[in-house]
N, C-alpha and C. Protein backbone atom coordinates (compact mmCIF):
# COMPACT_ATOMS: atom_id res chain seq x y z
N MET A 1 -40.30 -16.50 -39.95
CA MET A 1 -40.24 -16.81 -38.64
C MET A 1 -38.92 -17.45 -38.23
N GLU A 2 -38.28 -18.16 -39.20
CA GLU A 2 -37.04 -18.83 -38.95
C GLU A 2 -35.83 -17.93 -38.81
N ALA A 3 -36.16 -16.74 -39.59
CA ALA A 3 -34.99 -15.63 -39.36
C ALA A 3 -35.03 -15.00 -37.97
N ILE A 4 -36.17 -14.85 -37.40
CA ILE A 4 -36.37 -14.35 -36.09
C ILE A 4 -35.79 -15.33 -35.04
N ALA A 5 -36.02 -16.56 -35.21
CA ALA A 5 -35.48 -17.57 -34.31
C ALA A 5 -33.90 -17.56 -34.32
N ASP A 6 -33.38 -17.49 -35.64
CA ASP A 6 -31.95 -17.43 -35.82
C ASP A 6 -31.31 -16.21 -34.98
N PHE A 7 -32.02 -15.04 -35.23
CA PHE A 7 -31.58 -13.75 -34.57
C PHE A 7 -31.51 -13.88 -33.02
N VAL A 8 -32.63 -14.54 -32.57
CA VAL A 8 -32.66 -14.62 -31.06
C VAL A 8 -31.62 -15.58 -30.61
N ILE A 9 -31.35 -16.73 -31.26
CA ILE A 9 -30.34 -17.63 -31.03
C ILE A 9 -28.96 -16.92 -30.97
N LYS A 10 -28.68 -16.17 -32.02
CA LYS A 10 -27.45 -15.35 -32.04
C LYS A 10 -27.22 -14.49 -31.03
N ILE A 11 -28.32 -13.70 -30.60
CA ILE A 11 -28.29 -12.82 -29.50
C ILE A 11 -28.06 -13.45 -28.09
N ALA A 12 -28.62 -14.66 -27.97
CA ALA A 12 -28.42 -15.49 -26.76
C ALA A 12 -27.09 -15.95 -26.71
N ASP A 13 -26.46 -16.44 -27.86
CA ASP A 13 -25.06 -16.92 -27.81
C ASP A 13 -24.10 -15.78 -27.54
N LEU A 14 -24.36 -14.51 -28.04
CA LEU A 14 -23.71 -13.41 -27.88
C LEU A 14 -23.54 -13.08 -26.44
N ALA A 15 -24.69 -12.99 -25.82
CA ALA A 15 -24.86 -12.71 -24.50
C ALA A 15 -24.11 -13.65 -23.53
N GLU A 16 -24.30 -14.95 -23.91
CA GLU A 16 -23.55 -15.96 -23.03
C GLU A 16 -22.03 -15.78 -23.01
N ALA A 17 -21.59 -15.50 -24.27
CA ALA A 17 -20.04 -15.20 -24.36
C ALA A 17 -19.71 -14.05 -23.64
N GLU A 18 -20.53 -12.89 -23.73
CA GLU A 18 -20.07 -11.78 -22.96
C GLU A 18 -20.13 -11.95 -21.51
N PHE A 19 -21.17 -12.72 -20.95
CA PHE A 19 -21.29 -12.90 -19.56
C PHE A 19 -20.10 -13.85 -19.07
N SER A 20 -19.69 -14.89 -19.82
CA SER A 20 -18.71 -15.74 -19.26
C SER A 20 -17.37 -15.06 -19.25
N GLU A 21 -17.16 -14.06 -20.20
CA GLU A 21 -15.95 -13.29 -20.11
C GLU A 21 -16.04 -12.26 -18.78
N LEU A 22 -17.20 -11.72 -18.57
CA LEU A 22 -17.38 -10.88 -17.39
C LEU A 22 -17.28 -11.60 -16.16
N LYS A 23 -17.76 -12.93 -16.18
CA LYS A 23 -17.63 -13.72 -14.92
C LYS A 23 -16.08 -13.87 -14.59
N GLY A 24 -15.28 -14.24 -15.52
CA GLY A 24 -13.99 -14.36 -15.29
C GLY A 24 -13.31 -13.16 -14.79
N LYS A 25 -13.61 -11.98 -15.34
CA LYS A 25 -13.13 -10.66 -14.87
C LYS A 25 -13.56 -10.50 -13.45
N ALA A 26 -14.85 -10.68 -13.09
CA ALA A 26 -15.32 -10.48 -11.81
C ALA A 26 -14.84 -11.33 -10.78
N ILE A 27 -14.25 -12.47 -11.10
CA ILE A 27 -13.60 -13.49 -10.05
C ILE A 27 -12.17 -12.87 -9.89
N ASN A 28 -11.53 -12.34 -10.93
CA ASN A 28 -10.32 -11.72 -10.78
C ASN A 28 -10.37 -10.45 -10.01
N THR A 29 -11.29 -9.71 -10.24
CA THR A 29 -11.59 -8.51 -9.35
C THR A 29 -11.81 -8.85 -7.98
N ALA A 30 -12.53 -9.87 -7.64
CA ALA A 30 -12.84 -10.27 -6.20
C ALA A 30 -11.63 -10.74 -5.60
N ILE A 31 -10.78 -11.52 -6.37
CA ILE A 31 -9.47 -11.93 -5.72
C ILE A 31 -8.65 -10.68 -5.36
N ALA A 32 -8.59 -9.69 -6.37
CA ALA A 32 -7.75 -8.67 -6.13
C ALA A 32 -8.18 -7.68 -4.99
N ILE A 33 -9.48 -7.57 -4.79
CA ILE A 33 -10.01 -6.89 -3.59
C ILE A 33 -9.67 -7.59 -2.31
N GLY A 34 -9.84 -9.06 -2.27
CA GLY A 34 -9.46 -9.72 -1.22
C GLY A 34 -7.97 -9.48 -0.85
N LEU A 35 -7.22 -9.55 -1.74
CA LEU A 35 -5.59 -9.38 -1.49
C LEU A 35 -5.28 -7.96 -0.95
N ILE A 36 -6.14 -6.95 -1.53
CA ILE A 36 -5.97 -5.64 -1.04
C ILE A 36 -6.31 -5.55 0.46
N LEU A 37 -7.47 -6.17 0.72
CA LEU A 37 -7.80 -6.07 2.21
C LEU A 37 -6.95 -6.75 3.07
N VAL A 38 -6.28 -7.88 2.64
CA VAL A 38 -5.19 -8.61 3.39
C VAL A 38 -4.01 -7.70 3.71
N ALA A 39 -3.65 -7.00 2.54
CA ALA A 39 -2.42 -6.15 2.64
C ALA A 39 -2.79 -5.01 3.59
N LEU A 40 -3.90 -4.45 3.51
CA LEU A 40 -4.27 -3.32 4.56
C LEU A 40 -4.35 -3.90 5.96
N ILE A 41 -4.77 -5.00 6.17
CA ILE A 41 -4.68 -5.57 7.52
C ILE A 41 -3.26 -5.79 7.96
N MET A 42 -2.48 -6.34 7.18
CA MET A 42 -0.88 -6.47 7.48
C MET A 42 -0.29 -5.18 7.66
N ALA A 43 -0.68 -4.14 6.90
CA ALA A 43 -0.13 -2.81 7.10
C ALA A 43 -0.50 -2.28 8.47
N LEU A 44 -1.76 -2.44 8.81
CA LEU A 44 -2.32 -2.08 10.08
C LEU A 44 -1.56 -2.66 11.24
N VAL A 45 -1.32 -3.97 11.20
CA VAL A 45 -0.61 -4.64 12.13
C VAL A 45 0.72 -4.23 12.36
N GLY A 46 1.36 -3.98 11.20
CA GLY A 46 2.78 -3.50 11.15
C GLY A 46 2.89 -2.04 11.88
N PHE A 47 1.77 -1.20 11.59
CA PHE A 47 1.75 0.10 12.29
C PHE A 47 1.47 -0.21 13.75
N ILE A 48 0.69 -0.87 14.27
CA ILE A 48 0.47 -1.05 15.54
C ILE A 48 1.62 -1.55 16.13
N LEU A 49 2.39 -2.47 15.66
CA LEU A 49 3.62 -2.99 16.23
C LEU A 49 4.70 -1.95 16.43
N ILE A 50 4.76 -1.06 15.40
CA ILE A 50 5.67 0.06 15.41
C ILE A 50 5.34 0.93 16.63
N VAL A 51 4.07 1.28 16.70
CA VAL A 51 3.58 2.22 17.83
C VAL A 51 3.90 1.50 19.10
N TYR A 52 3.60 0.11 19.30
CA TYR A 52 3.93 -0.54 20.56
C TYR A 52 5.50 -0.44 20.79
N GLY A 53 6.22 -0.56 19.76
CA GLY A 53 7.83 -0.65 19.98
C GLY A 53 8.20 0.84 20.40
N ILE A 54 7.64 1.83 19.85
CA ILE A 54 8.02 3.02 20.28
C ILE A 54 7.56 3.34 21.83
N TYR A 55 6.33 2.85 22.07
CA TYR A 55 5.97 2.84 23.56
C TYR A 55 6.93 2.24 24.41
N LEU A 56 7.49 0.99 24.04
CA LEU A 56 8.33 0.32 24.86
C LEU A 56 9.76 1.12 24.94
N ALA A 57 9.91 1.65 23.88
CA ALA A 57 11.28 2.50 23.98
C ALA A 57 11.01 3.77 24.81
N PHE A 58 9.95 4.38 24.83
CA PHE A 58 9.60 5.43 25.70
C PHE A 58 9.66 5.10 27.16
N CYS A 59 9.20 3.80 27.46
CA CYS A 59 9.07 3.42 28.77
C CYS A 59 10.50 3.25 29.46
N ILE A 60 11.59 3.18 28.70
CA ILE A 60 12.90 3.11 29.26
C ILE A 60 13.33 4.50 29.95
N PHE A 61 12.84 5.47 29.16
CA PHE A 61 13.13 6.83 29.71
C PHE A 61 12.14 7.64 30.67
N MET A 62 10.94 7.14 30.68
CA MET A 62 9.87 7.77 31.48
C MET A 62 8.82 6.84 31.96
N PRO A 63 8.03 7.23 32.84
CA PRO A 63 7.05 6.27 33.33
C PRO A 63 5.93 5.90 32.32
N PRO A 64 5.38 4.81 32.43
CA PRO A 64 4.46 4.22 31.42
C PRO A 64 3.35 5.16 30.95
N PHE A 65 2.89 5.89 31.98
CA PHE A 65 1.76 6.77 31.50
C PHE A 65 2.12 7.99 30.63
N LEU A 66 3.40 8.43 31.04
CA LEU A 66 3.90 9.40 30.09
C LEU A 66 4.34 8.87 28.76
N ALA A 67 4.81 7.68 28.82
CA ALA A 67 5.11 7.05 27.50
C ALA A 67 3.89 6.80 26.52
N ALA A 68 2.86 6.44 27.25
CA ALA A 68 1.57 6.32 26.50
C ALA A 68 1.11 7.65 25.90
N PHE A 69 1.31 8.68 26.57
CA PHE A 69 0.87 9.93 26.24
C PHE A 69 1.71 10.42 25.10
N ALA A 70 2.95 10.41 25.26
CA ALA A 70 4.00 10.67 24.18
C ALA A 70 3.61 9.88 22.99
N ASN A 71 3.45 8.64 23.06
CA ASN A 71 3.02 7.78 22.04
C ASN A 71 1.85 8.16 21.25
N ALA A 72 0.81 8.54 21.95
CA ALA A 72 -0.41 8.96 21.49
C ALA A 72 -0.29 10.33 20.68
N VAL A 73 0.50 11.28 21.16
CA VAL A 73 0.82 12.52 20.55
C VAL A 73 1.55 12.29 19.25
N LEU A 74 2.60 11.31 19.29
CA LEU A 74 3.28 10.91 18.06
C LEU A 74 2.27 10.50 17.02
N ALA A 75 1.35 9.52 17.41
CA ALA A 75 0.49 8.83 16.34
C ALA A 75 -0.48 9.78 15.87
N PHE A 76 -0.96 10.73 16.66
CA PHE A 76 -1.79 11.86 16.09
C PHE A 76 -0.92 12.76 15.19
N LEU A 77 0.19 13.06 15.45
CA LEU A 77 1.03 13.90 14.52
C LEU A 77 1.24 13.09 13.24
N ILE A 78 1.51 11.76 13.33
CA ILE A 78 1.57 11.08 11.99
C ILE A 78 0.27 11.01 11.31
N GLY A 79 -0.88 10.84 12.00
CA GLY A 79 -2.21 10.72 11.35
C GLY A 79 -2.55 12.05 10.83
N GLY A 80 -2.34 13.12 11.54
CA GLY A 80 -2.58 14.45 10.94
C GLY A 80 -1.74 14.78 9.71
N GLY A 81 -0.51 14.48 9.73
CA GLY A 81 0.39 14.60 8.56
C GLY A 81 -0.20 13.79 7.28
N LEU A 82 -0.63 12.56 7.50
CA LEU A 82 -1.20 11.72 6.33
C LEU A 82 -2.41 12.49 5.97
N LEU A 83 -3.36 12.97 6.84
CA LEU A 83 -4.58 13.64 6.33
C LEU A 83 -4.27 14.86 5.58
N LEU A 84 -3.15 15.65 5.89
CA LEU A 84 -2.75 16.90 5.13
C LEU A 84 -2.29 16.42 3.84
N CYS A 85 -1.56 15.37 3.76
CA CYS A 85 -1.06 14.91 2.47
C CYS A 85 -2.30 14.36 1.63
N ALA A 86 -3.17 13.76 2.21
CA ALA A 86 -4.49 13.23 1.44
C ALA A 86 -5.07 14.48 0.97
N LYS A 87 -5.23 15.54 1.80
CA LYS A 87 -5.96 16.75 1.31
C LYS A 87 -5.36 17.37 0.15
N LYS A 88 -4.01 17.39 0.24
CA LYS A 88 -3.35 18.10 -0.93
C LYS A 88 -3.47 17.30 -2.22
N LYS A 89 -3.51 15.81 -2.19
CA LYS A 89 -3.58 15.11 -3.28
C LYS A 89 -5.11 15.24 -3.94
N MET A 90 -6.02 15.43 -3.05
CA MET A 90 -7.49 15.69 -3.49
C MET A 90 -7.58 17.07 -4.27
N SER A 91 -6.77 18.06 -3.86
CA SER A 91 -6.93 19.35 -4.49
C SER A 91 -6.34 19.39 -5.87
């Protein structure tokens, strides 16, 4: 009976050690995911500001509604190109 109790205690100690290591890795993974999300948000803000800057540059040469249309076409072209690149990477 004592051997079974020792076996159960050793299994419990092993599980505790493994879960404590896993908990540390989980925290690091959560921090990494948070940093990736912040980086994606910052990249999106940068892209929006670039598109707005292009719009303001187009407004110098044409009426605002045409500048908005040209900017939208340019954004769709960039987005389509990125989708084609992603499709090639997946194949």
